[in-house]
């Protein structure tokens, strides 16, 4: 009898726990999916929700245990970083919240941003996602290029382009070239900016940019933005190049004068060569006549000395 009672108690406990778990699951439906995100210091990272907000949904983003962003479906209340938590200025002006999807972007990310980011979506069921962000320290990779006006320069990018990359080149914040996975969408010089008409060459395999026949006005900051997209997150890295083009020391008027002088000298030399050949040909034609005249004069002189008897 005692064994039967113990067995009945065990079955009752298991059944009660199962009912409680079912009720809890039906009420909150918590589904947590952890995604690992790897980024380099200075990059931008976007954490995707992969859904579209409706008016019945509320989003909350947490970093570790602190609220860092919040939005509701009708957009009546939105906050990011210090607006949500005045005591935490870790992300001041570095968070961007997409009002349509709830995606969270962290710009200029640093090693202090390492940690777990939680997304809570409040709807008919309670859904949660987690992103473990790992930021690796990296030295500043500003490359400097110095050259003389008229020379060519190549801004090298060693890594090969992959299909899910979008590469965009900027000159002082103006887009000048772009490559996407679809080669038909390649954008170069005049399609993006008239400044570099016919002077840009873009390597479609590596994304390296070459500027030919450089001018002093080409001096400035060049940046290559590489955006890599994945299903749950995307990263954006930026490589910077400082280009300095030095004037050769001659003004445009002087350069034009030198060019004109060289052109005139070349023309004069060509005329001289032609004149020389014409004169040489004329002398060759006159030489036989002079020889005949000389022989005739010599005969007349001989006759005068020795008259015919």
C-alpha atoms as a PDB file:
ATOM      1  CA  UNK A   1       0.000   0.000   0.000  1.00  0.00           C
ATOM      2  CA  UNK A   2       2.800   2.411   0.882  1.00  0.00           C
ATOM      3  CA  UNK A   3       4.508   1.755  -2.461  1.00  0.00           C
ATOM      4  CA  UNK A   4       1.254   2.439  -4.306  1.00  0.00           C
ATOM      5  CA  UNK A   5       0.809   5.745  -2.481  1.00  0.00           C
ATOM      6  CA  UNK A   6       4.378   6.795  -3.263  1.00  0.00           C
ATOM      7  CA  UNK A   7       3.858   5.911  -6.958  1.00  0.00           C
ATOM      8  CA  UNK A   8       0.636   7.927  -7.087  1.00  0.00           C
ATOM      9  CA  UNK A   9       2.352  10.917  -5.475  1.00  0.00           C
ATOM     10  CA  UNK A  10       5.180  10.763  -8.033  1.00  0.00           C
ATOM     11  CA  UNK A  11       2.758  10.642 -10.973  1.00  0.00           C
ATOM     12  CA  UNK A  12       0.779  13.541  -9.499  1.00  0.00           C
ATOM     13  CA  UNK A  13       3.950  15.640  -9.077  1.00  0.00           C
ATOM     14  CA  UNK A  14       5.088  14.981 -12.670  1.00  0.00           C
ATOM     15  CA  UNK A  15       1.627  15.777 -14.024  1.00  0.00           C
ATOM     16  CA  UNK A  16       1.392  18.968 -11.993  1.00  0.00           C
ATOM     17  CA  UNK A  17       4.831  20.116 -13.220  1.00  0.00           C
ATOM     18  CA  UNK A  18       3.862  19.387 -16.835  1.00  0.00           C
ATOM     19  CA  UNK A  19       0.621  21.376 -16.499  1.00  0.00           C
ATOM     20  CA  UNK A  20       2.506  24.271 -14.904  1.00  0.00           C
ATOM     21  CA  UNK A  21       5.125  24.240 -17.702  1.00  0.00           C
ATOM     22  CA  UNK A  22       2.395  24.173 -20.332  1.00  0.00           C
ATOM     23  CA  UNK A  23       0.590  27.108 -18.765  1.00  0.00           C
ATOM     24  CA  UNK A  24       3.832  29.029 -18.444  1.00  0.00           C
ATOM     25  CA  UNK A  25       4.755  28.337 -22.072  1.00  0.00           C
ATOM     26  CA  UNK A  26       1.299  29.372 -23.273  1.00  0.00           C
ATOM     27  CA  UNK A  27       1.411  32.589 -21.294  1.00  0.00           C
ATOM     28  CA  UNK A  28       4.867  33.799 -22.174  1.00  0.00           C
ATOM     29  CA  UNK A  29       6.244  31.567 -24.950  1.00  0.00           C
ATOM     30  CA  UNK A  30       9.831  32.563 -24.238  1.00  0.00           C
ATOM     31  CA  UNK A  31      12.158  31.568 -27.073  1.00  0.00           C
ATOM     32  CA  UNK A  32      15.755  32.631 -26.646  1.00  0.00           C
ATOM     33  CA  UNK A  33      18.231  32.275 -29.493  1.00  0.00           C
ATOM     34  CA  UNK A  34      21.847  33.309 -28.924  1.00  0.00           C
ATOM     35  CA  UNK A  35      23.824  34.599 -31.912  1.00  0.00           C
ATOM     36  CA  UNK A  36      27.579  35.220 -31.773  1.00  0.00           C
ATOM     37  CA  UNK A  37      28.732  38.435 -33.442  1.00  0.00           C
ATOM     38  CA  UNK A  38      32.410  39.165 -34.077  1.00  0.00           C
ATOM     39  CA  UNK A  39      33.594  42.670 -34.924  1.00  0.00           C
ATOM     40  CA  UNK A  40      36.736  44.781 -35.019  1.00  0.00           C
ATOM     41  CA  UNK A  41      37.200  47.942 -32.991  1.00  0.00           C
ATOM     42  CA  UNK A  42      35.830  50.980 -34.819  1.00  0.00           C
ATOM     43  CA  UNK A  43      33.334  49.064 -36.948  1.00  0.00           C
ATOM     44  CA  UNK A  44      29.556  49.403 -36.876  1.00  0.00           C
ATOM     45  CA  UNK A  45      27.397  46.410 -35.931  1.00  0.00           C
ATOM     46  CA  UNK A  46      23.681  46.005 -36.648  1.00  0.00           C
ATOM     47  CA  UNK A  47      21.647  43.423 -34.711  1.00  0.00           C
ATOM     48  CA  UNK A  48      18.652  42.341 -36.798  1.00  0.00           C
ATOM     49  CA  UNK A  49      15.216  41.367 -35.478  1.00  0.00           C
ATOM     50  CA  UNK A  50      14.079  40.032 -38.885  1.00  0.00           C
ATOM     51  CA  UNK A  51      10.531  41.237 -38.291  1.00  0.00           C
ATOM     52  CA  UNK A  52       8.413  44.310 -39.012  1.00  0.00           C
ATOM     53  CA  UNK A  53       6.908  46.275 -36.128  1.00  0.00           C
ATOM     54  CA  UNK A  54       3.145  46.589 -35.827  1.00  0.00           C
ATOM     55  CA  UNK A  55       1.135  48.775 -33.466  1.00  0.00           C
ATOM     56  CA  UNK A  56       0.657  46.015 -30.906  1.00  0.00           C
ATOM     57  CA  UNK A  57       4.316  45.295 -30.348  1.00  0.00           C
ATOM     58  CA  UNK A  58       6.909  46.751 -28.019  1.00  0.00           C
ATOM     59  CA  UNK A  59      10.665  46.260 -28.317  1.00  0.00           C
ATOM     60  CA  UNK A  60      13.235  46.570 -25.568  1.00  0.00           C
ATOM     61  CA  UNK A  61      16.979  46.172 -25.987  1.00  0.00           C
ATOM     62  CA  UNK A  62      19.165  45.421 -22.955  1.00  0.00           C
ATOM     63  CA  UNK A  63      22.935  45.350 -22.618  1.00  0.00           C
ATOM     64  CA  UNK A  64      23.691  42.879 -19.849  1.00  0.00           C
ATOM     65  CA  UNK A  65      20.948  44.055 -17.435  1.00  0.00           C
ATOM     66  CA  UNK A  66      20.601  47.723 -18.445  1.00  0.00           C
ATOM     67  CA  UNK A  67      17.902  49.083 -20.780  1.00  0.00           C
ATOM     68  CA  UNK A  68      19.590  50.783 -23.773  1.00  0.00           C
ATOM     69  CA  UNK A  69      16.773  51.134 -26.346  1.00  0.00           C
ATOM     70  CA  UNK A  70      13.004  50.936 -26.458  1.00  0.00           C
ATOM     71  CA  UNK A  71      10.242  51.404 -29.030  1.00  0.00           C
ATOM     72  CA  UNK A  72       6.511  50.725 -29.234  1.00  0.00           C
ATOM     73  CA  UNK A  73       4.515  49.908 -32.339  1.00  0.00           C
ATOM     74  CA  UNK A  74       2.800  53.276 -32.722  1.00  0.00           C
ATOM     75  CA  UNK A  75       6.127  55.125 -32.246  1.00  0.00           C
ATOM     76  CA  UNK A  76       4.725  57.210 -29.379  1.00  0.00           C
ATOM     77  CA  UNK A  77       7.672  56.357 -27.197  1.00  0.00           C
ATOM     78  CA  UNK A  78      11.207  55.769 -28.437  1.00  0.00           C
ATOM     79  CA  UNK A  79      14.442  56.019 -26.503  1.00  0.00           C
ATOM     80  CA  UNK A  80      18.088  55.114 -26.955  1.00  0.00           C
ATOM     81  CA  UNK A  81      21.155  55.085 -24.654  1.00  0.00           C
ATOM     82  CA  UNK A  82      20.994  57.886 -22.059  1.00  0.00           C
ATOM     83  CA  UNK A  83      17.347  58.642 -22.894  1.00  0.00           C
ATOM     84  CA  UNK A  84      16.471  55.207 -21.520  1.00  0.00           C
ATOM     85  CA  UNK A  85      18.977  55.103 -18.701  1.00  0.00           C
ATOM     86  CA  UNK A  86      20.439  58.418 -17.603  1.00  0.00           C
ATOM     87  CA  UNK A  87      22.936  56.717 -15.337  1.00  0.00           C
ATOM     88  CA  UNK A  88      24.633  54.849 -18.188  1.00  0.00           C
ATOM     89  CA  UNK A  89      26.457  56.963 -20.781  1.00  0.00           C
ATOM     90  CA  UNK A  90      28.371  54.062 -22.258  1.00  0.00           C
ATOM     91  CA  UNK A  91      26.623  54.348 -25.655  1.00  0.00           C
ATOM     92  CA  UNK A  92      26.064  58.097 -25.818  1.00  0.00           C
ATOM     93  CA  UNK A  93      25.200  59.029 -29.433  1.00  0.00           C
ATOM     94  CA  UNK A  94      26.371  55.630 -30.710  1.00  0.00           C
ATOM     95  CA  UNK A  95      23.049  53.773 -30.914  1.00  0.00           C
ATOM     96  CA  UNK A  96      20.593  53.852 -33.812  1.00  0.00           C
ATOM     97  CA  UNK A  97      17.176  52.192 -33.673  1.00  0.00           C
ATOM     98  CA  UNK A  98      15.278  51.313 -36.855  1.00  0.00           C
ATOM     99  CA  UNK A  99      11.663  52.381 -36.363  1.00  0.00           C
ATOM    100  CA  UNK A 100      10.371  49.871 -38.920  1.00  0.00           C
ATOM    101  CA  UNK A 101      12.179  46.728 -37.855  1.00  0.00           C
ATOM    102  CA  UNK A 102      13.563  47.443 -34.390  1.00  0.00           C
ATOM    103  CA  UNK A 103      17.102  46.659 -35.587  1.00  0.00           C
ATOM    104  CA  UNK A 104      19.776  48.080 -33.299  1.00  0.00           C
ATOM    105  CA  UNK A 105      23.009  49.557 -34.705  1.00  0.00           C
ATOM    106  CA  UNK A 106      26.060  50.203 -32.540  1.00  0.00           C
ATOM    107  CA  UNK A 107      28.490  52.605 -34.222  1.00  0.00           C
ATOM    108  CA  UNK A 108      32.223  53.007 -33.568  1.00  0.00           C
ATOM    109  CA  UNK A 109      32.170  49.878 -31.459  1.00  0.00           C
ATOM    110  CA  UNK A 110      34.897  49.340 -28.846  1.00  0.00           C
ATOM    111  CA  UNK A 111      36.132  46.538 -26.617  1.00  0.00           C
ATOM    112  CA  UNK A 112      34.100  47.976 -23.738  1.00  0.00           C
ATOM    113  CA  UNK A 113      30.993  47.025 -25.725  1.00  0.00           C
ATOM    114  CA  UNK A 114      31.764  43.305 -25.341  1.00  0.00           C
ATOM    115  CA  UNK A 115      28.877  41.425 -23.819  1.00  0.00           C
ATOM    116  CA  UNK A 116      25.394  40.028 -24.333  1.00  0.00           C
ATOM    117  CA  UNK A 117      22.628  42.136 -25.871  1.00  0.00           C
ATOM    118  CA  UNK A 118      19.082  40.975 -25.168  1.00  0.00           C
ATOM    119  CA  UNK A 119      16.069  41.720 -27.351  1.00  0.00           C
ATOM    120  CA  UNK A 120      12.634  41.460 -25.749  1.00  0.00           C
ATOM    121  CA  UNK A 121       9.575  41.621 -28.011  1.00  0.00           C
ATOM    122  CA  UNK A 122       6.220  42.009 -26.275  1.00  0.00           C
ATOM    123  CA  UNK A 123       3.359  40.715 -28.367  1.00  0.00           C
ATOM    124  CA  UNK A 124       0.631  38.083 -27.946  1.00  0.00           C
ATOM    125  CA  UNK A 125       3.554  35.863 -26.958  1.00  0.00           C
ATOM    126  CA  UNK A 126       6.781  36.934 -25.328  1.00  0.00           C
ATOM    127  CA  UNK A 127       9.818  36.415 -27.573  1.00  0.00           C
ATOM    128  CA  UNK A 128      13.447  36.972 -26.690  1.00  0.00           C
ATOM    129  CA  UNK A 129      16.728  36.903 -28.593  1.00  0.00           C
ATOM    130  CA  UNK A 130      20.299  37.264 -27.405  1.00  0.00           C
ATOM    131  CA  UNK A 131      23.412  38.467 -29.250  1.00  0.00           C
ATOM    132  CA  UNK A 132      26.849  37.798 -27.820  1.00  0.00           C
ATOM    133  CA  UNK A 133      29.080  40.535 -29.221  1.00  0.00           C
ATOM    134  CA  UNK A 134      32.846  40.031 -29.221  1.00  0.00           C
ATOM    135  CA  UNK A 135      34.961  43.046 -30.215  1.00  0.00           C
ATOM    136  CA  UNK A 136      38.614  42.547 -31.095  1.00  0.00           C
ATOM    137  CA  UNK A 137      41.047  45.379 -30.626  1.00  0.00           C
ATOM    138  CA  UNK A 138      42.724  46.602 -33.806  1.00  0.00           C
ATOM    139  CA  UNK A 139      45.293  49.361 -34.438  1.00  0.00           C
ATOM    140  CA  UNK A 140      44.361  52.389 -36.465  1.00  0.00           C
ATOM    141  CA  UNK A 141      45.012  51.533 -40.098  1.00  0.00           C
ATOM    142  CA  UNK A 142      45.135  55.014 -41.603  1.00  0.00           C
ATOM    143  CA  UNK A 143      47.428  54.741 -44.620  1.00  0.00           C
ATOM    144  CA  UNK A 144      49.164  57.806 -46.056  1.00  0.00           C
ATOM    145  CA  UNK A 145      50.071  58.299 -49.711  1.00  0.00           C
ATOM    146  CA  UNK A 146      52.257  61.161 -50.978  1.00  0.00           C
ATOM    147  CA  UNK A 147      52.913  61.747 -54.664  1.00  0.00           C
ATOM    148  CA  UNK A 148      53.553  64.397 -57.309  1.00  0.00           C
ATOM    149  CA  UNK A 149      50.867  65.796 -59.553  1.00  0.00           C
ATOM    150  CA  UNK A 150      50.364  63.685 -62.668  1.00  0.00           C
ATOM    151  CA  UNK A 151      51.394  60.413 -61.025  1.00  0.00           C
ATOM    152  CA  UNK A 152      49.056  57.484 -60.347  1.00  0.00           C
ATOM    153  CA  UNK A 153      48.233  56.025 -56.942  1.00  0.00           C
ATOM    154  CA  UNK A 154      46.586  52.739 -55.904  1.00  0.00           C
ATOM    155  CA  UNK A 155      44.686  52.431 -52.639  1.00  0.00           C
ATOM    156  CA  UNK A 156      45.192  48.749 -51.860  1.00  0.00           C
ATOM    157  CA  UNK A 157      42.754  46.518 -50.015  1.00  0.00           C
ATOM    158  CA  UNK A 158      44.293  43.064 -49.478  1.00  0.00           C
ATOM    159  CA  UNK A 159      41.126  41.121 -48.760  1.00  0.00           C
ATOM    160  CA  UNK A 160      39.127  39.620 -51.612  1.00  0.00           C
ATOM    161  CA  UNK A 161      35.535  40.642 -52.190  1.00  0.00           C
ATOM    162  CA  UNK A 162      32.845  38.087 -51.332  1.00  0.00           C
ATOM    163  CA  UNK A 163      29.288  37.903 -52.717  1.00  0.00           C
ATOM    164  CA  UNK A 164      27.637  39.241 -49.553  1.00  0.00           C
ATOM    165  CA  UNK A 165      29.882  42.317 -49.423  1.00  0.00           C
ATOM    166  CA  UNK A 166      29.009  45.821 -50.515  1.00  0.00           C
ATOM    167  CA  UNK A 167      32.122  47.961 -51.071  1.00  0.00           C
ATOM    168  CA  UNK A 168      31.781  51.717 -51.347  1.00  0.00           C
ATOM    169  CA  UNK A 169      34.561  54.280 -51.841  1.00  0.00           C
ATOM    170  CA  UNK A 170      34.176  57.831 -50.524  1.00  0.00           C
ATOM    171  CA  UNK A 171      36.268  60.937 -51.130  1.00  0.00           C
ATOM    172  CA  UNK A 172      35.697  63.504 -48.372  1.00  0.00           C
ATOM    173  CA  UNK A 173      32.262  61.928 -47.673  1.00  0.00           C
ATOM    174  CA  UNK A 174      31.276  61.914 -51.383  1.00  0.00           C
ATOM    175  CA  UNK A 175      30.675  58.516 -52.973  1.00  0.00           C
ATOM    176  CA  UNK A 176      32.970  57.939 -55.950  1.00  0.00           C
ATOM    177  CA  UNK A 177      32.815  54.156 -56.573  1.00  0.00           C
ATOM    178  CA  UNK A 178      30.853  51.103 -55.509  1.00  0.00           C
ATOM    179  CA  UNK A 179      30.825  47.346 -56.037  1.00  0.00           C
ATOM    180  CA  UNK A 180      28.048  44.979 -54.998  1.00  0.00           C
ATOM    181  CA  UNK A 181      27.712  41.239 -55.429  1.00  0.00           C
ATOM    182  CA  UNK A 182      25.954  41.959 -58.724  1.00  0.00           C
ATOM    183  CA  UNK A 183      28.605  43.180 -61.197  1.00  0.00           C
ATOM    184  CA  UNK A 184      25.904  45.074 -63.130  1.00  0.00           C
ATOM    185  CA  UNK A 185      25.653  47.475 -60.217  1.00  0.00           C
ATOM    186  CA  UNK A 186      29.263  48.613 -60.358  1.00  0.00           C
ATOM    187  CA  UNK A 187      29.406  52.380 -60.059  1.00  0.00           C
ATOM    188  CA  UNK A 188      32.520  54.265 -61.135  1.00  0.00           C
ATOM    189  CA  UNK A 189      33.680  57.884 -61.613  1.00  0.00           C
ATOM    190  CA  UNK A 190      31.108  59.766 -63.740  1.00  0.00           C
ATOM    191  CA  UNK A 191      28.255  57.550 -62.540  1.00  0.00           C
ATOM    192  CA  UNK A 192      28.954  58.700 -58.985  1.00  0.00           C
ATOM    193  CA  UNK A 193      30.898  61.961 -59.263  1.00  0.00           C
ATOM    194  CA  UNK A 194      32.129  64.087 -62.194  1.00  0.00           C
ATOM    195  CA  UNK A 195      35.336  65.046 -60.378  1.00  0.00           C
ATOM    196  CA  UNK A 196      37.239  61.920 -61.413  1.00  0.00           C
ATOM    197  CA  UNK A 197      35.942  61.548 -64.974  1.00  0.00           C
ATOM    198  CA  UNK A 198      37.840  58.705 -66.701  1.00  0.00           C
ATOM    199  CA  UNK A 199      40.536  58.713 -63.998  1.00  0.00           C
ATOM    200  CA  UNK A 200      39.350  55.900 -61.706  1.00  0.00           C
ATOM    201  CA  UNK A 201      40.045  52.196 -62.039  1.00  0.00           C
ATOM    202  CA  UNK A 202      38.387  49.707 -59.698  1.00  0.00           C
ATOM    203  CA  UNK A 203      39.656  46.167 -59.161  1.00  0.00           C
ATOM    204  CA  UNK A 204      36.520  44.022 -59.171  1.00  0.00           C
ATOM    205  CA  UNK A 205      38.216  41.198 -57.256  1.00  0.00           C
ATOM    206  CA  UNK A 206      39.800  43.067 -54.344  1.00  0.00           C
ATOM    207  CA  UNK A 207      38.058  46.437 -54.451  1.00  0.00           C
ATOM    208  CA  UNK A 208      41.377  48.318 -54.731  1.00  0.00           C
ATOM    209  CA  UNK A 209      41.017  51.807 -56.217  1.00  0.00           C
ATOM    210  CA  UNK A 210      43.518  53.417 -58.622  1.00  0.00           C
ATOM    211  CA  UNK A 211      43.515  57.148 -59.422  1.00  0.00           C
ATOM    212  CA  UNK A 212      45.390  58.119 -62.593  1.00  0.00           C
ATOM    213  CA  UNK A 213      46.766  61.515 -63.678  1.00  0.00           C
ATOM    214  CA  UNK A 214      46.349  62.894 -60.143  1.00  0.00           C
ATOM    215  CA  UNK A 215      45.807  66.583 -59.405  1.00  0.00           C
ATOM    216  CA  UNK A 216      46.283  68.661 -56.300  1.00  0.00           C
ATOM    217  CA  UNK A 217      42.501  68.778 -55.941  1.00  0.00           C
ATOM    218  CA  UNK A 218      42.573  65.001 -55.425  1.00  0.00           C
ATOM    219  CA  UNK A 219      44.249  65.485 -52.040  1.00  0.00           C
ATOM    220  CA  UNK A 220      42.067  64.471 -49.111  1.00  0.00           C
ATOM    221  CA  UNK A 221      40.550  61.572 -47.174  1.00  0.00           C
ATOM    222  CA  UNK A 222      39.549  58.417 -49.037  1.00  0.00           C
ATOM    223  CA  UNK A 223      37.532  55.771 -47.203  1.00  0.00           C
ATOM    224  CA  UNK A 224      36.506  52.293 -48.221  1.00  0.00           C
ATOM    225  CA  UNK A 225      33.346  51.079 -46.494  1.00  0.00           C
ATOM    226  CA  UNK A 226      32.785  47.323 -46.497  1.00  0.00           C
ATOM    227  CA  UNK A 227      29.378  46.101 -45.375  1.00  0.00           C
ATOM    228  CA  UNK A 228      28.992  42.372 -44.775  1.00  0.00           C
ATOM    229  CA  UNK A 229      25.434  41.137 -44.263  1.00  0.00           C
ATOM    230  CA  UNK A 230      24.267  37.980 -42.600  1.00  0.00           C
ATOM    231  CA  UNK A 231      20.825  36.741 -41.659  1.00  0.00           C
ATOM    232  CA  UNK A 232      20.868  37.884 -38.030  1.00  0.00           C
ATOM    233  CA  UNK A 233      23.417  40.692 -38.049  1.00  0.00           C
ATOM    234  CA  UNK A 234      25.667  42.808 -40.267  1.00  0.00           C
ATOM    235  CA  UNK A 235      29.006  44.541 -39.771  1.00  0.00           C
ATOM    236  CA  UNK A 236      30.447  47.609 -41.452  1.00  0.00           C
ATOM    237  CA  UNK A 237      34.200  48.239 -41.533  1.00  0.00           C
ATOM    238  CA  UNK A 238      35.999  51.338 -42.787  1.00  0.00           C
ATOM    239  CA  UNK A 239      39.544  51.615 -44.151  1.00  0.00           C
ATOM    240  CA  UNK A 240      40.996  55.120 -44.442  1.00  0.00           C
ATOM    241  CA  UNK A 241      43.643  56.577 -46.742  1.00  0.00           C
ATOM    242  CA  UNK A 242      45.125  60.071 -46.579  1.00  0.00           C
ATOM    243  CA  UNK A 243      46.307  61.149 -50.043  1.00  0.00           C
ATOM    244  CA  UNK A 244      48.524  64.196 -50.556  1.00  0.00           C
ATOM    245  CA  UNK A 245      49.222  65.333 -54.132  1.00  0.00           C
ATOM    246  CA  UNK A 246      52.016  67.920 -54.396  1.00  0.00           C
ATOM    247  CA  UNK A 247      52.143  70.519 -57.160  1.00  0.00           C
ATOM    248  CA  UNK A 248      55.138  70.208 -59.486  1.00  0.00           C
ATOM    249  CA  UNK A 249      55.881  73.917 -58.810  1.00  0.00           C
ATOM    250  CA  UNK A 250      54.737  75.307 -62.146  1.00  0.00           C
ATOM    251  CA  UNK A 251      51.588  77.304 -62.660  1.00  0.00           C
ATOM    252  CA  UNK A 252      49.029  76.318 -65.243  1.00  0.00           C
ATOM    253  CA  UNK A 253      50.055  79.252 -67.457  1.00  0.00           C
ATOM    254  CA  UNK A 254      53.707  78.210 -67.317  1.00  0.00           C
ATOM    255  CA  UNK A 255      52.798  74.609 -68.067  1.00  0.00           C
ATOM    256  CA  UNK A 256      50.738  75.765 -71.048  1.00  0.00           C
ATOM    257  CA  UNK A 257      53.616  77.943 -72.252  1.00  0.00           C
ATOM    258  CA  UNK A 258      56.093  75.074 -71.984  1.00  0.00           C
ATOM    259  CA  UNK A 259      53.732  72.796 -73.823  1.00  0.00           C
ATOM    260  CA  UNK A 260      53.266  75.373 -76.607  1.00  0.00           C
ATOM    261  CA  UNK A 261      57.018  75.960 -76.875  1.00  0.00           C
ATOM    262  CA  UNK A 262      57.691  72.230 -77.137  1.00  0.00           C
ATOM    263  CA  UNK A 263      54.988  71.963 -79.754  1.00  0.00           C
ATOM    264  CA  UNK A 264      56.496  74.844 -81.814  1.00  0.00           C
ATOM    265  CA  UNK A 265      59.988  73.422 -81.516  1.00  0.00           C
ATOM    266  CA  UNK A 266      58.759  70.045 -82.693  1.00  0.00           C
ATOM    267  CA  UNK A 267      56.994  71.668 -85.648  1.00  0.00           C
ATOM    268  CA  UNK A 268      60.093  73.735 -86.526  1.00  0.00           C
ATOM    269  CA  UNK A 269      62.281  70.635 -86.389  1.00  0.00           C
ATOM    270  CA  UNK A 270      59.882  68.816 -88.685  1.00  0.00           C
ATOM    271  CA  UNK A 271      59.902  71.720 -91.177  1.00  0.00           C
ATOM    272  CA  UNK A 272      63.717  71.810 -91.035  1.00  0.00           C
ATOM    273  CA  UNK A 273      63.959  68.121 -91.829  1.00  0.00           C
ATOM    274  CA  UNK A 274      61.586  68.502 -94.772  1.00  0.00           C
ATOM    275  CA  UNK A 275      63.498  71.532 -96.091  1.00  0.00           C
ATOM    276  CA  UNK A 276      66.793  69.684 -95.773  1.00  0.00           C
ATOM    277  CA  UNK A 277      65.523  66.716 -97.767  1.00  0.00           C
ATOM    278  CA  UNK A 278      64.089  68.995-100.491  1.00  0.00           C
ATOM    279  CA  UNK A 279      67.348  70.907-100.831  1.00  0.00           C
ATOM    280  CA  UNK A 280      69.384  67.703-100.945  1.00  0.00           C
ATOM    281  CA  UNK A 281      67.187  66.385-103.722  1.00  0.00           C
ATOM    282  CA  UNK A 282      67.590  69.639-105.719  1.00  0.00           C
ATOM    283  CA  UNK A 283      71.392  69.511-105.451  1.00  0.00           C
ATOM    284  CA  UNK A 284      71.424  65.934-106.683  1.00  0.00           C
ATOM    285  CA  UNK A 285      69.510  67.041-109.798  1.00  0.00           C
ATOM    286  CA  UNK A 286      71.881  69.984-110.545  1.00  0.00           C
ATOM    287  CA  UNK A 287      75.190  68.097-110.228  1.00  0.00           C
ATOM    288  CA  UNK A 288      75.223  66.390-113.732  1.00  0.00           C
ATOM    289  CA  UNK A 289      74.567  69.705-115.533  1.00  0.00           C
ATOM    290  CA  UNK A 290      77.469  71.391-113.740  1.00  0.00           C
ATOM    291  CA  UNK A 291      79.751  68.522-114.721  1.00  0.00           C
ATOM    292  CA  UNK A 292      78.830  68.835-118.439  1.00  0.00           C
ATOM    293  CA  UNK A 293      79.319  72.583-118.339  1.00  0.00           C
ATOM    294  CA  UNK A 294      82.753  72.175-116.806  1.00  0.00           C
ATOM    295  CA  UNK A 295      83.853  69.699-119.496  1.00  0.00           C
ATOM    296  CA  UNK A 296      82.669  72.029-122.305  1.00  0.00           C
ATOM    297  CA  UNK A 297      84.512  75.006-120.852  1.00  0.00           C
ATOM    298  CA  UNK A 298      87.637  72.951-120.497  1.00  0.00           C
ATOM    299  CA  UNK A 299      87.514  71.919-124.197  1.00  0.00           C
ATOM    300  CA  UNK A 300      87.112  75.540-125.302  1.00  0.00           C
ATOM    301  CA  UNK A 301      90.123  76.537-123.271  1.00  0.00           C
ATOM    302  CA  UNK A 302      92.168  73.723-124.833  1.00  0.00           C
ATOM    303  CA  UNK A 303      91.181  74.819-128.354  1.00  0.00           C
ATOM    304  CA  UNK A 304      92.300  78.331-127.630  1.00  0.00           C
ATOM    305  CA  UNK A 305      95.733  77.182-126.560  1.00  0.00           C
ATOM    306  CA  UNK A 306      96.187  74.706-129.382  1.00  0.00           C
ATOM    307  CA  UNK A 307      94.423  76.091-132.520  1.00  0.00           C
ATOM    308  CA  UNK A 308      93.613  73.621-135.292  1.00  0.00           C
ATOM    309  CA  UNK A 309      96.012  73.902-138.264  1.00  0.00           C
END
